[in-house]
């Protein structure tokens, strides 16, 4: 989420890391107790570094991205990031600046979008991107959004994930998440991959793998080497935020706020 702390705290973390080759394995810096998920960097692509990334996902072979608007000079957008050119094509814009765009997810013929502090979500036609409705939620804030194929799953920056019925948009399940027996809060952007929920942990370079059956973190990716590369290419870029999985190709893409690149990685275990 918001990242004023990152410039001071995150920067210190990044520059304490060693650089890695593009075919190296990552994940060794994960704290003891949480199994490290090793991965390799397979490729990287240009990314519009003006985007304040809040959501990332693959849909019909295209990479969709949602953005927030941390100041009045920018708007909250949803659009397509072209991996070949780095160009962002806008599909949705929240013209009312009182709304701060957050996570998105496609479900059947609809696109759903959360907002930060308004307790309001928007619904769009998945083909035309015309707004067709809105909904409210009781969570204090809206952060990340994904789906398990039956329900929508949202994060709100706490340690609890909320399952929403896609027809009523009412909660059907709330799941506290723990890591090594302690609350794992600051859960942010989400992606559902092969029966598990992957979540960015706000203002860190970690992605946690969550078992939706019991809420336990069963693995963690340490992406600090990728964050360091982003910071070297664009100093003062924001924290990591954005996970997109292409179920057709098996490719996994990650990026962050104002990052100049989107990285394609391959997990050593899933």
Protein backbone atom coordinates (compact mmCIF):
# COMPACT_ATOMS: atom_id res chain seq x y z
CA UNK A 1 0.00 0.00 0.00
CA UNK A 2 1.11 3.54 0.74
CA UNK A 3 4.84 3.87 0.80
CA UNK A 4 6.29 6.97 2.38
CA UNK A 5 8.16 4.71 4.82
CA UNK A 6 9.71 2.78 1.97
CA UNK A 7 12.01 5.58 0.87
CA UNK A 8 13.65 5.57 4.30
CA UNK A 9 13.27 1.99 5.49
CA UNK A 10 12.96 0.00 2.28
CA UNK A 11 15.94 1.76 0.72
CA UNK A 12 18.17 0.59 3.55
CA UNK A 13 16.98 -2.96 3.07
CA UNK A 14 17.56 -2.91 -0.67
CA UNK A 15 21.11 -1.67 -0.59
CA UNK A 16 22.12 -4.21 2.02
CA UNK A 17 21.52 -7.01 -0.50
CA UNK A 18 23.97 -8.47 -2.98
CA UNK A 19 23.23 -8.32 -6.70
CA UNK A 20 22.23 -11.52 -8.48
CA UNK A 21 22.62 -12.85 -11.99
CA UNK A 22 19.42 -13.20 -13.98
CA UNK A 23 19.55 -16.99 -13.85
CA UNK A 24 20.37 -17.18 -10.14
CA UNK A 25 18.10 -18.70 -7.54
CA UNK A 26 16.60 -16.36 -4.95
CA UNK A 27 15.00 -16.88 -1.57
CA UNK A 28 17.88 -17.50 0.86
CA UNK A 29 17.18 -14.44 3.05
CA UNK A 30 13.78 -15.61 4.31
CA UNK A 31 13.69 -15.67 8.15
CA UNK A 32 14.13 -19.04 9.84
CA UNK A 33 10.87 -20.86 10.42
CA UNK A 34 9.20 -20.00 7.13
CA UNK A 35 10.15 -22.32 4.24
CA UNK A 36 11.85 -20.34 1.49
CA UNK A 37 10.38 -20.68 -1.98
CA UNK A 38 13.28 -20.61 -4.41
CA UNK A 39 12.77 -18.99 -7.79
CA UNK A 40 14.71 -17.83 -10.81
CA UNK A 41 14.35 -14.71 -12.89
CA UNK A 42 13.41 -15.78 -16.40
CA UNK A 43 12.94 -12.41 -18.13
CA UNK A 44 12.04 -8.79 -17.58
CA UNK A 45 9.92 -6.28 -19.48
CA UNK A 46 9.46 -2.54 -19.61
CA UNK A 47 6.87 -1.09 -17.25
CA UNK A 48 5.36 2.40 -17.25
CA UNK A 49 7.06 3.75 -14.13
CA UNK A 50 4.46 6.46 -13.65
CA UNK A 51 2.02 3.79 -12.46
CA UNK A 52 1.31 3.45 -8.72
CA UNK A 53 0.59 -0.26 -8.93
CA UNK A 54 -2.21 -1.65 -6.75
CA UNK A 55 -3.26 -4.75 -8.69
CA UNK A 56 -1.84 -7.02 -11.39
CA UNK A 57 -3.39 -10.00 -13.18
CA UNK A 58 -3.50 -11.92 -16.44
CA UNK A 59 -6.80 -12.13 -18.31
CA UNK A 60 -7.26 -13.58 -21.79
CA UNK A 61 -3.54 -13.38 -22.45
CA UNK A 62 -3.25 -9.70 -21.47
CA UNK A 63 -1.65 -8.20 -18.39
CA UNK A 64 -4.09 -5.92 -16.56
CA UNK A 65 -2.98 -3.40 -13.97
CA UNK A 66 -4.86 -1.17 -11.56
CA UNK A 67 -3.36 1.94 -10.01
CA UNK A 68 -3.99 4.27 -7.11
CA UNK A 69 -3.76 8.05 -7.03
CA UNK A 70 -1.54 9.12 -4.13
CA UNK A 71 -1.72 12.77 -5.18
CA UNK A 72 -4.06 14.97 -7.22
CA UNK A 73 -1.75 14.95 -10.24
CA UNK A 74 -2.65 11.33 -11.01
CA UNK A 75 -5.87 9.38 -11.47
CA UNK A 76 -6.79 5.86 -10.40
CA UNK A 77 -6.72 3.73 -13.53
CA UNK A 78 -7.30 0.22 -14.82
CA UNK A 79 -5.65 -0.76 -18.07
CA UNK A 80 -3.47 -3.15 -20.03
CA UNK A 81 0.32 -3.16 -19.70
CA UNK A 82 1.90 -4.34 -22.94
CA UNK A 83 4.88 -6.54 -22.12
CA UNK A 84 6.40 -5.99 -25.56
CA UNK A 85 6.41 -2.20 -25.49
CA UNK A 86 5.85 -1.19 -21.87
CA UNK A 87 2.90 0.92 -22.98
CA UNK A 88 -0.11 1.21 -20.68
CA UNK A 89 -3.53 1.41 -22.35
CA UNK A 90 -6.22 2.90 -20.11
CA UNK A 91 -9.59 1.13 -19.93
CA UNK A 92 -11.07 2.64 -16.74
CA UNK A 93 -10.48 5.91 -14.92
CA UNK A 94 -11.93 6.99 -11.58
CA UNK A 95 -12.64 10.64 -12.30
CA UNK A 96 -13.77 11.27 -8.74
CA UNK A 97 -10.46 11.85 -6.92
CA UNK A 98 -12.07 10.95 -3.59
CA UNK A 99 -11.76 7.32 -4.73
CA UNK A 100 -8.33 5.67 -4.55
CA UNK A 101 -8.22 2.62 -6.81
CA UNK A 102 -7.02 -0.69 -5.38
CA UNK A 103 -7.12 -4.39 -6.33
CA UNK A 104 -9.02 -5.84 -9.28
CA UNK A 105 -10.23 -9.24 -10.41
CA UNK A 106 -12.15 -10.67 -13.36
CA UNK A 107 -14.93 -13.13 -12.57
CA UNK A 108 -16.98 -14.53 -15.42
CA UNK A 109 -18.20 -11.54 -17.45
CA UNK A 110 -17.41 -8.87 -14.87
CA UNK A 111 -14.44 -6.88 -13.60
CA UNK A 112 -14.44 -5.94 -9.92
CA UNK A 113 -12.43 -3.11 -8.35
CA UNK A 114 -11.83 -2.17 -4.72
CA UNK A 115 -11.14 1.32 -3.38
CA UNK A 116 -8.93 2.24 -0.45
CA UNK A 117 -10.93 4.00 2.27
CA UNK A 118 -14.40 4.49 0.81
CA UNK A 119 -15.67 0.96 1.61
CA UNK A 120 -16.91 0.94 -1.98
CA UNK A 121 -16.20 -1.35 -4.90
CA UNK A 122 -17.09 -0.94 -8.56
CA UNK A 123 -18.29 -3.47 -11.15
CA UNK A 124 -17.58 -3.23 -14.88
CA UNK A 125 -18.51 -5.19 -17.96
CA UNK A 126 -15.45 -7.34 -18.68
CA UNK A 127 -15.63 -6.66 -22.42
CA UNK A 128 -16.65 -3.01 -22.70
CA UNK A 129 -15.28 -1.80 -19.32
CA UNK A 130 -18.45 0.18 -18.83
CA UNK A 131 -19.36 0.55 -15.17
CA UNK A 132 -22.46 -1.51 -14.42
CA UNK A 133 -22.74 -1.27 -10.65
CA UNK A 134 -21.08 -0.81 -7.29
CA UNK A 135 -21.06 -2.52 -3.91
CA UNK A 136 -20.06 -1.80 -0.34
CA UNK A 137 -18.08 -3.78 2.21
CA UNK A 138 -17.65 -3.55 5.95
CA UNK A 139 -13.85 -3.88 5.91
CA UNK A 140 -12.26 -0.63 7.04
CA UNK A 141 -10.16 -0.56 3.87
CA UNK A 142 -9.88 -2.34 0.52
CA UNK A 143 -6.46 -3.54 -0.70
CA UNK A 144 -6.02 -6.68 -2.82
CA UNK A 145 -8.48 -8.84 -4.76
CA UNK A 146 -8.40 -12.30 -6.37
CA UNK A 147 -10.68 -15.31 -6.90
CA UNK A 148 -10.60 -19.03 -6.21
CA UNK A 149 -13.06 -19.63 -9.05
CA UNK A 150 -16.05 -19.68 -6.71
CA UNK A 151 -15.77 -16.53 -4.60
CA UNK A 152 -13.86 -13.29 -4.63
CA UNK A 153 -11.11 -12.97 -2.01
CA UNK A 154 -10.07 -9.57 -0.67
CA UNK A 155 -7.38 -8.23 1.64
CA UNK A 156 -7.64 -5.08 3.70
CA UNK A 157 -4.12 -4.58 5.05
CA UNK A 158 -4.74 -6.64 8.18
CA UNK A 159 -4.08 -10.32 8.87
CA UNK A 160 -7.57 -11.34 7.70
CA UNK A 161 -8.73 -12.33 4.22
CA UNK A 162 -12.42 -12.03 3.32
CA UNK A 163 -14.29 -14.27 0.87
CA UNK A 164 -17.12 -12.49 -0.97
CA UNK A 165 -20.01 -14.13 -2.78
CA UNK A 166 -19.74 -12.75 -6.36
CA UNK A 167 -23.51 -12.53 -6.70
CA UNK A 168 -24.33 -10.73 -3.47
CA UNK A 169 -20.85 -9.27 -2.71
CA UNK A 170 -21.49 -10.21 0.92
CA UNK A 171 -18.84 -11.97 3.05
CA UNK A 172 -19.14 -15.75 3.27
CA UNK A 173 -15.86 -16.41 5.09
CA UNK A 174 -13.16 -14.56 7.01
CA UNK A 175 -9.77 -16.19 7.47
CA UNK A 176 -7.04 -14.97 9.86
CA UNK A 177 -3.55 -15.58 8.43
CA UNK A 178 -0.64 -16.67 10.62
CA UNK A 179 3.06 -17.14 10.03
CA UNK A 180 4.91 -19.38 12.46
CA UNK A 181 2.04 -18.99 14.90
CA UNK A 182 1.98 -15.16 14.80
CA UNK A 183 -0.43 -12.88 12.97
CA UNK A 184 0.71 -12.13 9.43
CA UNK A 185 -0.73 -8.68 8.86
CA UNK A 186 -0.11 -6.13 6.07
CA UNK A 187 -1.45 -8.52 3.41
CA UNK A 188 -1.74 -6.61 0.16
CA UNK A 189 -2.05 -7.58 -3.52
CA UNK A 190 -3.30 -11.15 -4.01
CA UNK A 191 -3.08 -13.93 -6.58
CA UNK A 192 -4.64 -17.39 -6.43
CA UNK A 193 -2.24 -20.00 -7.83
CA UNK A 194 -2.87 -23.75 -7.86
CA UNK A 195 -4.95 -23.84 -4.71
CA UNK A 196 -2.91 -21.35 -2.69
CA UNK A 197 -3.13 -17.61 -2.14
CA UNK A 198 0.01 -15.57 -2.78
CA UNK A 199 0.14 -12.14 -1.15
CA UNK A 200 2.50 -9.21 -1.20
CA UNK A 201 3.37 -8.10 2.32
CA UNK A 202 3.13 -4.32 2.41
CA UNK A 203 6.36 -2.31 2.53
CA UNK A 204 8.49 -5.46 2.28
CA UNK A 205 9.97 -7.38 -0.63
CA UNK A 206 8.29 -10.62 0.45
CA UNK A 207 5.47 -12.63 -1.09
CA UNK A 208 3.84 -15.18 1.22
CA UNK A 209 2.12 -18.38 0.16
CA UNK A 210 -1.04 -19.01 2.19
CA UNK A 211 -2.99 -22.23 2.63
CA UNK A 212 -6.65 -21.17 2.33
CA UNK A 213 -7.77 -24.19 4.36
CA UNK A 214 -6.25 -22.94 7.62
CA UNK A 215 -4.68 -19.53 6.90
CA UNK A 216 -1.13 -20.69 7.60
CA UNK A 217 1.78 -19.25 5.64
CA UNK A 218 3.52 -22.28 4.12
CA UNK A 219 6.25 -20.52 2.18
CA UNK A 220 7.78 -17.17 1.35
CA UNK A 221 9.57 -15.58 -1.61
CA UNK A 222 12.29 -13.07 -0.82
CA UNK A 223 12.28 -10.70 -3.78
CA UNK A 224 14.75 -8.15 -2.40
CA UNK A 225 17.18 -8.80 -5.28
CA UNK A 226 14.46 -7.80 -7.77
CA UNK A 227 13.58 -4.74 -5.69
CA UNK A 228 17.23 -3.73 -5.69
CA UNK A 229 17.36 -3.98 -9.47
CA UNK A 230 14.27 -1.78 -9.71
CA UNK A 231 15.80 0.79 -7.34
CA UNK A 232 19.06 0.84 -9.30
CA UNK A 233 17.15 1.52 -12.53
CA UNK A 234 14.81 4.07 -10.92
CA UNK A 235 15.93 5.45 -7.56
CA UNK A 236 13.15 6.12 -5.04
CA UNK A 237 10.64 3.81 -6.71
CA UNK A 238 8.08 2.33 -4.33
CA UNK A 239 7.63 -1.02 -2.69
CA UNK A 240 6.92 -4.30 -4.40
CA UNK A 241 3.24 -4.76 -5.21
CA UNK A 242 1.83 -6.86 -8.02
CA UNK A 243 1.57 -10.59 -8.70
CA UNK A 244 0.11 -12.01 -11.91
CA UNK A 245 -0.05 -15.67 -12.87
CA UNK A 246 -0.65 -16.87 -16.41
CA UNK A 247 -2.32 -20.26 -15.99
CA UNK A 248 -1.90 -21.01 -19.70
CA UNK A 249 1.87 -20.61 -19.86
CA UNK A 250 2.68 -21.02 -16.17
CA UNK A 251 4.52 -17.68 -16.17
CA UNK A 252 4.51 -15.57 -13.01
CA UNK A 253 4.97 -11.80 -13.21
CA UNK A 254 5.84 -9.41 -10.38
CA UNK A 255 6.39 -5.66 -10.17
CA UNK A 256 6.02 -2.71 -7.81
CA UNK A 257 4.93 0.90 -7.49
CA UNK A 258 6.75 3.03 -10.07
CA UNK A 259 9.03 0.12 -10.96
CA UNK A 260 10.61 0.46 -14.41
CA UNK A 261 10.31 -3.26 -15.09
CA UNK A 262 7.99 -6.21 -14.72
CA UNK A 263 9.88 -9.40 -13.87
CA UNK A 264 8.97 -12.89 -15.05
CA UNK A 265 9.99 -15.49 -12.51
CA UNK A 266 9.80 -19.26 -12.22
CA UNK A 267 9.11 -20.95 -8.91
CA UNK A 268 11.17 -23.96 -7.89
CA UNK A 269 8.19 -25.25 -5.93
CA UNK A 270 4.47 -24.41 -6.06
